[in-house]
PDB file of all heavy atoms in Angstrom:
ATOM      1  N   THR A   1       0.831  -1.194   0.000  1.00  0.00           N
ATOM      2  CA  THR A   1       0.000   0.000   0.000  1.00  0.00           C
ATOM      3  C   THR A   1       0.866   1.244   0.000  1.00  0.00           C
ATOM      4  O   THR A   1       1.959   1.261   0.564  1.00  0.00           O
ATOM      5  CB  THR A   1      -0.954  -0.005   1.209  1.00  0.00           C
ATOM      6  OG1 THR A   1      -1.705   1.223   1.239  1.00  0.00           O
ATOM      7  CG2 THR A   1      -0.208  -0.130   2.525  1.00  0.00           C
ATOM      8  N   SER A   2       0.369   2.279  -0.633  1.00  0.00           N
ATOM      9  CA  SER A   2       1.049   3.564  -0.616  1.00  0.00           C
ATOM     10  C   SER A   2       0.848   4.231   0.740  1.00  0.00           C
ATOM     11  O   SER A   2       0.148   3.717   1.610  1.00  0.00           O
ATOM     12  CB  SER A   2       0.512   4.452  -1.733  1.00  0.00           C
ATOM     13  OG  SER A   2      -0.879   4.684  -1.540  1.00  0.00           O
ATOM     14  N   TRP A   3       1.423   5.412   0.902  1.00  0.00           N
ATOM     15  CA  TRP A   3       1.437   6.067   2.209  1.00  0.00           C
ATOM     16  C   TRP A   3       0.050   6.334   2.764  1.00  0.00           C
ATOM     17  O   TRP A   3      -0.154   6.332   3.975  1.00  0.00           O
ATOM     18  CB  TRP A   3       2.220   7.378   2.120  1.00  0.00           C
ATOM     19  CG  TRP A   3       1.494   8.468   1.377  1.00  0.00           C
ATOM     20  CD1 TRP A   3       1.498   8.696   0.033  1.00  0.00           C
ATOM     21  CD2 TRP A   3       0.652   9.471   1.961  1.00  0.00           C
ATOM     22  NE1 TRP A   3       0.716   9.778  -0.263  1.00  0.00           N
ATOM     23  CE2 TRP A   3       0.179  10.277   0.883  1.00  0.00           C
ATOM     24  CE3 TRP A   3       0.254   9.764   3.251  1.00  0.00           C
ATOM     25  CZ2 TRP A   3      -0.668  11.368   1.085  1.00  0.00           C
ATOM     26  CZ3 TRP A   3      -0.592  10.849   3.468  1.00  0.00           C
ATOM     27  CH2 TRP A   3      -1.051  11.629   2.387  1.00  0.00           C
ATOM     28  N   ASN A   4      -0.925   6.540   1.890  1.00  0.00           N
ATOM     29  CA  ASN A   4      -2.270   6.866   2.364  1.00  0.00           C
ATOM     30  C   ASN A   4      -3.304   5.821   1.987  1.00  0.00           C
ATOM     31  O   ASN A   4      -4.496   6.038   2.153  1.00  0.00           O
ATOM     32  CB  ASN A   4      -2.704   8.226   1.823  1.00  0.00           C
ATOM     33  CG  ASN A   4      -2.823   8.234   0.312  1.00  0.00           C
ATOM     34  OD1 ASN A   4      -2.395   7.299  -0.370  1.00  0.00           O
ATOM     35  ND2 ASN A   4      -3.417   9.284  -0.241  1.00  0.00           N
ATOM     36  N   GLY A   5      -2.851   4.697   1.450  1.00  0.00           N
ATOM     37  CA  GLY A   5      -3.799   3.671   1.042  1.00  0.00           C
ATOM     38  C   GLY A   5      -4.447   3.936  -0.297  1.00  0.00           C
ATOM     39  O   GLY A   5      -5.293   3.166  -0.743  1.00  0.00           O
ATOM     40  N   GLY A   6      -4.034   5.033  -0.961  1.00  0.00           N
ATOM     41  CA  GLY A   6      -4.639   5.375  -2.231  1.00  0.00           C
ATOM     42  C   GLY A   6      -4.268   4.431  -3.364  1.00  0.00           C
ATOM     43  O   GLY A   6      -4.977   4.330  -4.365  1.00  0.00           O
ATOM     44  N   ARG A   7      -3.163   3.758  -3.184  1.00  0.00           N
ATOM     45  CA  ARG A   7      -2.730   2.770  -4.170  1.00  0.00           C
ATOM     46  C   ARG A   7      -2.431   1.473  -3.437  1.00  0.00           C
ATOM     47  O   ARG A   7      -1.732   1.473  -2.432  1.00  0.00           O
ATOM     48  CB  ARG A   7      -1.470   3.266  -4.896  1.00  0.00           C
ATOM     49  CG  ARG A   7      -0.789   2.248  -5.780  1.00  0.00           C
ATOM     50  CD  ARG A   7      -1.511   2.018  -7.099  1.00  0.00           C
ATOM     51  NE  ARG A   7      -0.886   0.935  -7.863  1.00  0.00           N
ATOM     52  CZ  ARG A   7       0.009   1.131  -8.822  1.00  0.00           C
ATOM     53  NH1 ARG A   7       0.389   2.361  -9.134  1.00  0.00           N
ATOM     54  NH2 ARG A   7       0.515   0.104  -9.476  1.00  0.00           N
ATOM     55  N   THR A   8      -3.005   0.378  -3.916  1.00  0.00           N
ATOM     56  CA  THR A   8      -2.719  -0.929  -3.360  1.00  0.00           C
ATOM     57  C   THR A   8      -2.433  -1.902  -4.496  1.00  0.00           C
ATOM     58  O   THR A   8      -2.996  -1.761  -5.596  1.00  0.00           O
ATOM     59  CB  THR A   8      -3.890  -1.471  -2.520  1.00  0.00           C
ATOM     60  OG1 THR A   8      -5.076  -1.502  -3.318  1.00  0.00           O
ATOM     61  CG2 THR A   8      -4.140  -0.609  -1.286  1.00  0.00           C
ATOM     62  N   ASP A   9      -1.593  -2.851  -4.232  1.00  0.00           N
ATOM     63  CA  ASP A   9      -1.257  -3.874  -5.214  1.00  0.00           C
ATOM     64  C   ASP A   9      -1.191  -5.234  -4.524  1.00  0.00           C
ATOM     65  O   ASP A   9      -0.846  -5.315  -3.342  1.00  0.00           O
ATOM     66  CB  ASP A   9       0.077  -3.571  -5.892  1.00  0.00           C
ATOM     67  CG  ASP A   9      -0.034  -2.391  -6.854  1.00  0.00           C
ATOM     68  OD1 ASP A   9      -0.825  -2.480  -7.810  1.00  0.00           O
ATOM     69  OD2 ASP A   9       0.661  -1.384  -6.623  1.00  0.00           O
ATOM     70  N   TYR A  10      -1.501  -6.273  -5.305  1.00  0.00           N
ATOM     71  CA  TYR A  10      -1.574  -7.613  -4.746  1.00  0.00           C
ATOM     72  C   TYR A  10      -0.894  -8.624  -5.657  1.00  0.00           C
ATOM     73  O   TYR A  10      -0.878  -8.481  -6.884  1.00  0.00           O
ATOM     74  CB  TYR A  10      -3.044  -8.037  -4.585  1.00  0.00           C
ATOM     75  CG  TYR A  10      -3.827  -7.154  -3.647  1.00  0.00           C
ATOM     76  CD1 TYR A  10      -4.519  -6.044  -4.120  1.00  0.00           C
ATOM     77  CD2 TYR A  10      -3.856  -7.417  -2.281  1.00  0.00           C
ATOM     78  CE1 TYR A  10      -5.211  -5.218  -3.269  1.00  0.00           C
ATOM     79  CE2 TYR A  10      -4.553  -6.599  -1.418  1.00  0.00           C
ATOM     80  CZ  TYR A  10      -5.226  -5.500  -1.915  1.00  0.00           C
ATOM     81  OH  TYR A  10      -5.916  -4.683  -1.047  1.00  0.00           O
ATOM     82  N   ALA A  11      -0.391  -9.666  -5.041  1.00  0.00           N
ATOM     83  CA  ALA A  11       0.070 -10.811  -5.817  1.00  0.00           C
ATOM     84  C   ALA A  11      -1.135 -11.494  -6.444  1.00  0.00           C
ATOM     85  O   ALA A  11      -2.233 -11.496  -5.872  1.00  0.00           O
ATOM     86  CB  ALA A  11       0.822 -11.785  -4.924  1.00  0.00           C
ATOM     87  N   MET A  12      -0.929 -12.064  -7.607  1.00  0.00           N
ATOM     88  CA  MET A  12      -2.034 -12.723  -8.301  1.00  0.00           C
ATOM     89  C   MET A  12      -2.634 -13.844  -7.461  1.00  0.00           C
ATOM     90  O   MET A  12      -3.837 -14.099  -7.514  1.00  0.00           O
ATOM     91  CB  MET A  12      -1.553 -13.278  -9.630  1.00  0.00           C
ATOM     92  CG  MET A  12      -1.319 -12.219 -10.689  1.00  0.00           C
ATOM     93  SD  MET A  12      -2.834 -11.313 -11.067  1.00  0.00           S
ATOM     94  CE  MET A  12      -3.829 -12.635 -11.754  1.00  0.00           C
ATOM     95  N   SER A  13      -1.807 -14.480  -6.658  1.00  0.00           N
ATOM     96  CA  SER A  13      -2.272 -15.625  -5.873  1.00  0.00           C
ATOM     97  C   SER A  13      -3.259 -15.233  -4.778  1.00  0.00           C
ATOM     98  O   SER A  13      -3.977 -16.102  -4.260  1.00  0.00           O
ATOM     99  CB  SER A  13      -1.074 -16.353  -5.258  1.00  0.00           C
ATOM    100  OG  SER A  13      -0.339 -15.476  -4.430  1.00  0.00           O
ATOM    101  N   VAL A  14      -3.300 -13.952  -4.411  1.00  0.00           N
ATOM    102  CA  VAL A  14      -4.185 -13.533  -3.327  1.00  0.00           C
ATOM    103  C   VAL A  14      -5.209 -12.497  -3.773  1.00  0.00           C
ATOM    104  O   VAL A  14      -6.091 -12.121  -2.980  1.00  0.00           O
ATOM    105  CB  VAL A  14      -3.375 -12.970  -2.132  1.00  0.00           C
ATOM    106  CG1 VAL A  14      -2.313 -13.958  -1.686  1.00  0.00           C
ATOM    107  CG2 VAL A  14      -2.771 -11.616  -2.440  1.00  0.00           C
ATOM    108  N   LYS A  15      -5.109 -12.034  -4.980  1.00  0.00           N
ATOM    109  CA  LYS A  15      -6.012 -10.983  -5.450  1.00  0.00           C
ATOM    110  C   LYS A  15      -7.463 -11.468  -5.365  1.00  0.00           C
ATOM    111  O   LYS A  15      -7.785 -12.591  -5.765  1.00  0.00           O
ATOM    112  CB  LYS A  15      -5.654 -10.593  -6.879  1.00  0.00           C
ATOM    113  CG  LYS A  15      -6.328  -9.323  -7.360  1.00  0.00           C
ATOM    114  CD  LYS A  15      -5.751  -8.864  -8.696  1.00  0.00           C
ATOM    115  CE  LYS A  15      -4.360  -8.335  -8.546  1.00  0.00           C
ATOM    116  NZ  LYS A  15      -3.842  -7.726  -9.789  1.00  0.00           N
ATOM    117  N   GLY A  16      -8.300 -10.606  -4.815  1.00  0.00           N
ATOM    118  CA  GLY A  16      -9.704 -10.959  -4.629  1.00  0.00           C
ATOM    119  C   GLY A  16      -9.999 -11.638  -3.312  1.00  0.00           C
ATOM    120  O   GLY A  16     -11.166 -11.763  -2.922  1.00  0.00           O
ATOM    121  N   ARG A  17      -8.958 -12.080  -2.608  1.00  0.00           N
ATOM    122  CA  ARG A  17      -9.136 -12.734  -1.307  1.00  0.00           C
ATOM    123  C   ARG A  17      -8.552 -11.908  -0.165  1.00  0.00           C
ATOM    124  O   ARG A  17      -9.078 -11.931   0.945  1.00  0.00           O
ATOM    125  CB  ARG A  17      -8.481 -14.122  -1.315  1.00  0.00           C
ATOM    126  CG  ARG A  17      -9.030 -15.065  -2.360  1.00  0.00           C
ATOM    127  CD  ARG A  17      -8.469 -16.478  -2.195  1.00  0.00           C
ATOM    128  NE  ARG A  17      -7.033 -16.543  -2.369  1.00  0.00           N
ATOM    129  CZ  ARG A  17      -6.173 -16.986  -1.439  1.00  0.00           C
ATOM    130  NH1 ARG A  17      -6.623 -17.399  -0.263  1.00  0.00           N
ATOM    131  NH2 ARG A  17      -4.872 -17.024  -1.696  1.00  0.00           N
ATOM    132  N   PHE A  18      -7.459 -11.219  -0.427  1.00  0.00           N
ATOM    133  CA  PHE A  18      -6.776 -10.426   0.598  1.00  0.00           C
ATOM    134  C   PHE A  18      -7.012  -8.942   0.337  1.00  0.00           C
ATOM    135  O   PHE A  18      -7.090  -8.507  -0.822  1.00  0.00           O
ATOM    136  CB  PHE A  18      -5.277 -10.679   0.579  1.00  0.00           C
ATOM    137  CG  PHE A  18      -4.834 -12.036   1.060  1.00  0.00           C
ATOM    138  CD1 PHE A  18      -5.741 -13.075   1.269  1.00  0.00           C
ATOM    139  CD2 PHE A  18      -3.488 -12.282   1.309  1.00  0.00           C
ATOM    140  CE1 PHE A  18      -5.326 -14.317   1.717  1.00  0.00           C
ATOM    141  CE2 PHE A  18      -3.043 -13.519   1.765  1.00  0.00           C
ATOM    142  CZ  PHE A  18      -3.970 -14.540   1.953  1.00  0.00           C
ATOM    143  N   THR A  19      -7.082  -8.182   1.420  1.00  0.00           N
ATOM    144  CA  THR A  19      -7.221  -6.737   1.317  1.00  0.00           C
ATOM    145  C   THR A  19      -6.270  -6.061   2.298  1.00  0.00           C
ATOM    146  O   THR A  19      -6.293  -6.373   3.500  1.00  0.00           O
ATOM    147  CB  THR A  19      -8.657  -6.289   1.629  1.00  0.00           C
ATOM    148  OG1 THR A  19      -9.570  -6.943   0.748  1.00  0.00           O
ATOM    149  CG2 THR A  19      -8.797  -4.776   1.469  1.00  0.00           C
ATOM    150  N   VAL A  20      -5.453  -5.161   1.781  1.00  0.00           N
ATOM    151  CA  VAL A  20      -4.552  -4.385   2.627  1.00  0.00           C
ATOM    152  C   VAL A  20      -5.167  -3.009   2.864  1.00  0.00           C
ATOM    153  O   VAL A  20      -5.752  -2.407   1.951  1.00  0.00           O
ATOM    154  CB  VAL A  20      -3.136  -4.268   2.002  1.00  0.00           C
ATOM    155  CG1 VAL A  20      -3.169  -3.585   0.642  1.00  0.00           C
ATOM    156  CG2 VAL A  20      -2.191  -3.561   2.952  1.00  0.00           C
ATOM    157  N   SER A  21      -5.045  -2.536   4.090  1.00  0.00           N
ATOM    158  CA  SER A  21      -5.538  -1.207   4.433  1.00  0.00           C
ATOM    159  C   SER A  21      -4.649  -0.638   5.527  1.00  0.00           C
ATOM    160  O   SER A  21      -3.852  -1.364   6.124  1.00  0.00           O
ATOM    161  CB  SER A  21      -7.001  -1.263   4.896  1.00  0.00           C
ATOM    162  OG  SER A  21      -7.120  -2.059   6.058  1.00  0.00           O
ATOM    163  N   ARG A  22      -4.791   0.649   5.762  1.00  0.00           N
ATOM    164  CA  ARG A  22      -3.981   1.270   6.805  1.00  0.00           C
ATOM    165  C   ARG A  22      -4.775   2.378   7.468  1.00  0.00           C
ATOM    166  O   ARG A  22      -5.660   3.002   6.848  1.00  0.00           O
ATOM    167  CB  ARG A  22      -2.670   1.814   6.231  1.00  0.00           C
ATOM    168  CG  ARG A  22      -2.821   2.931   5.226  1.00  0.00           C
ATOM    169  CD  ARG A  22      -1.469   3.239   4.566  1.00  0.00           C
ATOM    170  NE  ARG A  22      -0.505   3.769   5.512  1.00  0.00           N
ATOM    171  CZ  ARG A  22       0.815   3.836   5.277  1.00  0.00           C
ATOM    172  NH1 ARG A  22       1.299   3.382   4.132  1.00  0.00           N
ATOM    173  NH2 ARG A  22       1.629   4.343   6.187  1.00  0.00           N
ATOM    174  N   ASP A  23      -4.427   2.620   8.717  1.00  0.00           N
ATOM    175  CA  ASP A  23      -5.014   3.702   9.494  1.00  0.00           C
ATOM    176  C   ASP A  23      -3.839   4.514  10.025  1.00  0.00           C
ATOM    177  O   ASP A  23      -3.201   4.126  11.013  1.00  0.00           O
ATOM    178  CB  ASP A  23      -5.867   3.149  10.625  1.00  0.00           C
ATOM    179  CG  ASP A  23      -6.592   4.234  11.403  1.00  0.00           C
ATOM    180  OD1 ASP A  23      -6.171   5.401  11.346  1.00  0.00           O
ATOM    181  OD2 ASP A  23      -7.562   3.912  12.087  1.00  0.00           O
ATOM    182  N   ASN A  24      -3.542   5.617   9.359  1.00  0.00           N
ATOM    183  CA  ASN A  24      -2.364   6.404   9.743  1.00  0.00           C
ATOM    184  C   ASN A  24      -2.532   7.053  11.125  1.00  0.00           C
ATOM    185  O   ASN A  24      -1.547   7.324  11.804  1.00  0.00           O
ATOM    186  CB  ASN A  24      -2.071   7.454   8.684  1.00  0.00           C
ATOM    187  CG  ASN A  24      -1.443   6.851   7.443  1.00  0.00           C
ATOM    188  OD1 ASN A  24      -1.033   5.686   7.435  1.00  0.00           O
ATOM    189  ND2 ASN A  24      -1.383   7.631   6.377  1.00  0.00           N
ATOM    190  N   ALA A  25      -3.759   7.285  11.516  1.00  0.00           N
ATOM    191  CA  ALA A  25      -3.986   7.853  12.853  1.00  0.00           C
ATOM    192  C   ALA A  25      -3.612   6.860  13.950  1.00  0.00           C
ATOM    193  O   ALA A  25      -3.277   7.253  15.066  1.00  0.00           O
ATOM    194  CB  ALA A  25      -5.440   8.280  13.004  1.00  0.00           C
ATOM    195  N   LYS A  26      -3.682   5.562  13.614  1.00  0.00           N
ATOM    196  CA  LYS A  26      -3.337   4.516  14.583  1.00  0.00           C
ATOM    197  C   LYS A  26      -1.991   3.875  14.295  1.00  0.00           C
ATOM    198  O   LYS A  26      -1.612   2.911  14.959  1.00  0.00           O
ATOM    199  CB  LYS A  26      -4.425   3.430  14.576  1.00  0.00           C
ATOM    200  CG  LYS A  26      -5.788   3.914  15.050  1.00  0.00           C
ATOM    201  CD  LYS A  26      -6.792   2.780  15.072  1.00  0.00           C
ATOM    202  CE  LYS A  26      -8.145   3.251  15.605  1.00  0.00           C
ATOM    203  NZ  LYS A  26      -9.149   2.161  15.631  1.00  0.00           N
ATOM    204  N   ASN A  27      -1.283   4.398  13.294  1.00  0.00           N
ATOM    205  CA  ASN A  27       0.031   3.835  12.928  1.00  0.00           C
ATOM    206  C   ASN A  27      -0.051   2.334  12.685  1.00  0.00           C
ATOM    207  O   ASN A  27       0.827   1.566  13.123  1.00  0.00           O
ATOM    208  CB  ASN A  27       1.070   4.119  14.029  1.00  0.00           C
ATOM    209  CG  ASN A  27       1.598   5.536  13.981  1.00  0.00           C
ATOM    210  OD1 ASN A  27       1.020   6.407  13.334  1.00  0.00           O
ATOM    211  ND2 ASN A  27       2.673   5.796  14.682  1.00  0.00           N
ATOM    212  N   THR A  28      -1.077   1.910  11.999  1.00  0.00           N
ATOM    213  CA  THR A  28      -1.301   0.483  11.816  1.00  0.00           C
ATOM    214  C   THR A  28      -1.689   0.171  10.369  1.00  0.00           C
ATOM    215  O   THR A  28      -2.456   0.920   9.750  1.00  0.00           O
ATOM    216  CB  THR A  28      -2.412  -0.013  12.763  1.00  0.00           C
ATOM    217  OG1 THR A  28      -2.038   0.279  14.119  1.00  0.00           O
ATOM    218  CG2 THR A  28      -2.612  -1.514  12.641  1.00  0.00           C
ATOM    219  N   VAL A  29      -1.151  -0.930   9.885  1.00  0.00           N
ATOM    220  CA  VAL A  29      -1.545  -1.461   8.592  1.00  0.00           C
ATOM    221  C   VAL A  29      -2.138  -2.850   8.822  1.00  0.00           C
ATOM    222  O   VAL A  29      -1.706  -3.574   9.723  1.00  0.00           O
ATOM    223  CB  VAL A  29      -0.358  -1.490   7.604  1.00  0.00           C
ATOM    224  CG1 VAL A  29       0.751  -2.404   8.093  1.00  0.00           C
ATOM    225  CG2 VAL A  29      -0.810  -1.880   6.212  1.00  0.00           C
ATOM    226  N   TYR A  30      -3.136  -3.188   8.021  1.00  0.00           N
ATOM    227  CA  TYR A  30      -3.869  -4.432   8.195  1.00  0.00           C
ATOM    228  C   TYR A  30      -3.810  -5.284   6.933  1.00  0.00           C
ATOM    229  O   TYR A  30      -3.635  -4.772   5.826  1.00  0.00           O
ATOM    230  CB  TYR A  30      -5.349  -4.133   8.494  1.00  0.00           C
ATOM    231  CG  TYR A  30      -5.578  -3.232   9.671  1.00  0.00           C
ATOM    232  CD1 TYR A  30      -5.766  -1.855   9.493  1.00  0.00           C
ATOM    233  CD2 TYR A  30      -5.588  -3.733  10.965  1.00  0.00           C
ATOM    234  CE1 TYR A  30      -5.973  -1.012  10.568  1.00  0.00           C
ATOM    235  CE2 TYR A  30      -5.795  -2.895  12.055  1.00  0.00           C
ATOM    236  CZ  TYR A  30      -5.985  -1.539  11.849  1.00  0.00           C
ATOM    237  OH  TYR A  30      -6.182  -0.705  12.927  1.00  0.00           O
ATOM    238  N   LEU A  31      -3.983  -6.571   7.134  1.00  0.00           N
ATOM    239  CA  LEU A  31      -4.156  -7.485   6.013  1.00  0.00           C
ATOM    240  C   LEU A  31      -5.341  -8.386   6.335  1.00  0.00           C
ATOM    241  O   LEU A  31      -5.240  -9.258   7.197  1.00  0.00           O
ATOM    242  CB  LEU A  31      -2.905  -8.317   5.753  1.00  0.00           C
ATOM    243  CG  LEU A  31      -2.980  -9.219   4.519  1.00  0.00           C
ATOM    244  CD1 LEU A  31      -3.011  -8.360   3.241  1.00  0.00           C
ATOM    245  CD2 LEU A  31      -1.794 -10.180   4.470  1.00  0.00           C
ATOM    246  N   GLN A  32      -6.455  -8.135   5.663  1.00  0.00           N
ATOM    247  CA  GLN A  32      -7.632  -8.980   5.811  1.00  0.00           C
ATOM    248  C   GLN A  32      -7.509 -10.137   4.831  1.00  0.00           C
ATOM    249  O   GLN A  32      -7.378  -9.906   3.619  1.00  0.00           O
ATOM    250  CB  GLN A  32      -8.900  -8.178   5.524  1.00  0.00           C
ATOM    251  CG  GLN A  32     -10.184  -8.994   5.600  1.00  0.00           C
ATOM    252  CD  GLN A  32     -10.489  -9.477   7.003  1.00  0.00           C
ATOM    253  OE1 GLN A  32     -10.373  -8.731   7.968  1.00  0.00           O
ATOM    254  NE2 GLN A  32     -10.891 -10.751   7.115  1.00  0.00           N
ATOM    255  N   MET A  33      -7.542 -11.344   5.344  1.00  0.00           N
ATOM    256  CA  MET A  33      -7.361 -12.536   4.519  1.00  0.00           C
ATOM    257  C   MET A  33      -8.620 -13.384   4.584  1.00  0.00           C
ATOM    258  O   MET A  33      -8.980 -13.872   5.659  1.00  0.00           O
ATOM    259  CB  MET A  33      -6.148 -13.338   5.009  1.00  0.00           C
ATOM    260  CG  MET A  33      -4.873 -12.512   5.082  1.00  0.00           C
ATOM    261  SD  MET A  33      -3.426 -13.515   5.501  1.00  0.00           S
ATOM    262  CE  MET A  33      -3.843 -14.034   7.158  1.00  0.00           C
TER     263      MET A  33
END
């Protein structure tokens, strides 16, 4: 993910199943699988 989550990219093997997101106010990045 980019600095603000505006751009995300995925490996083909996980695309459509995994989602990356971030909360800069909480200094945290997530991976929903």
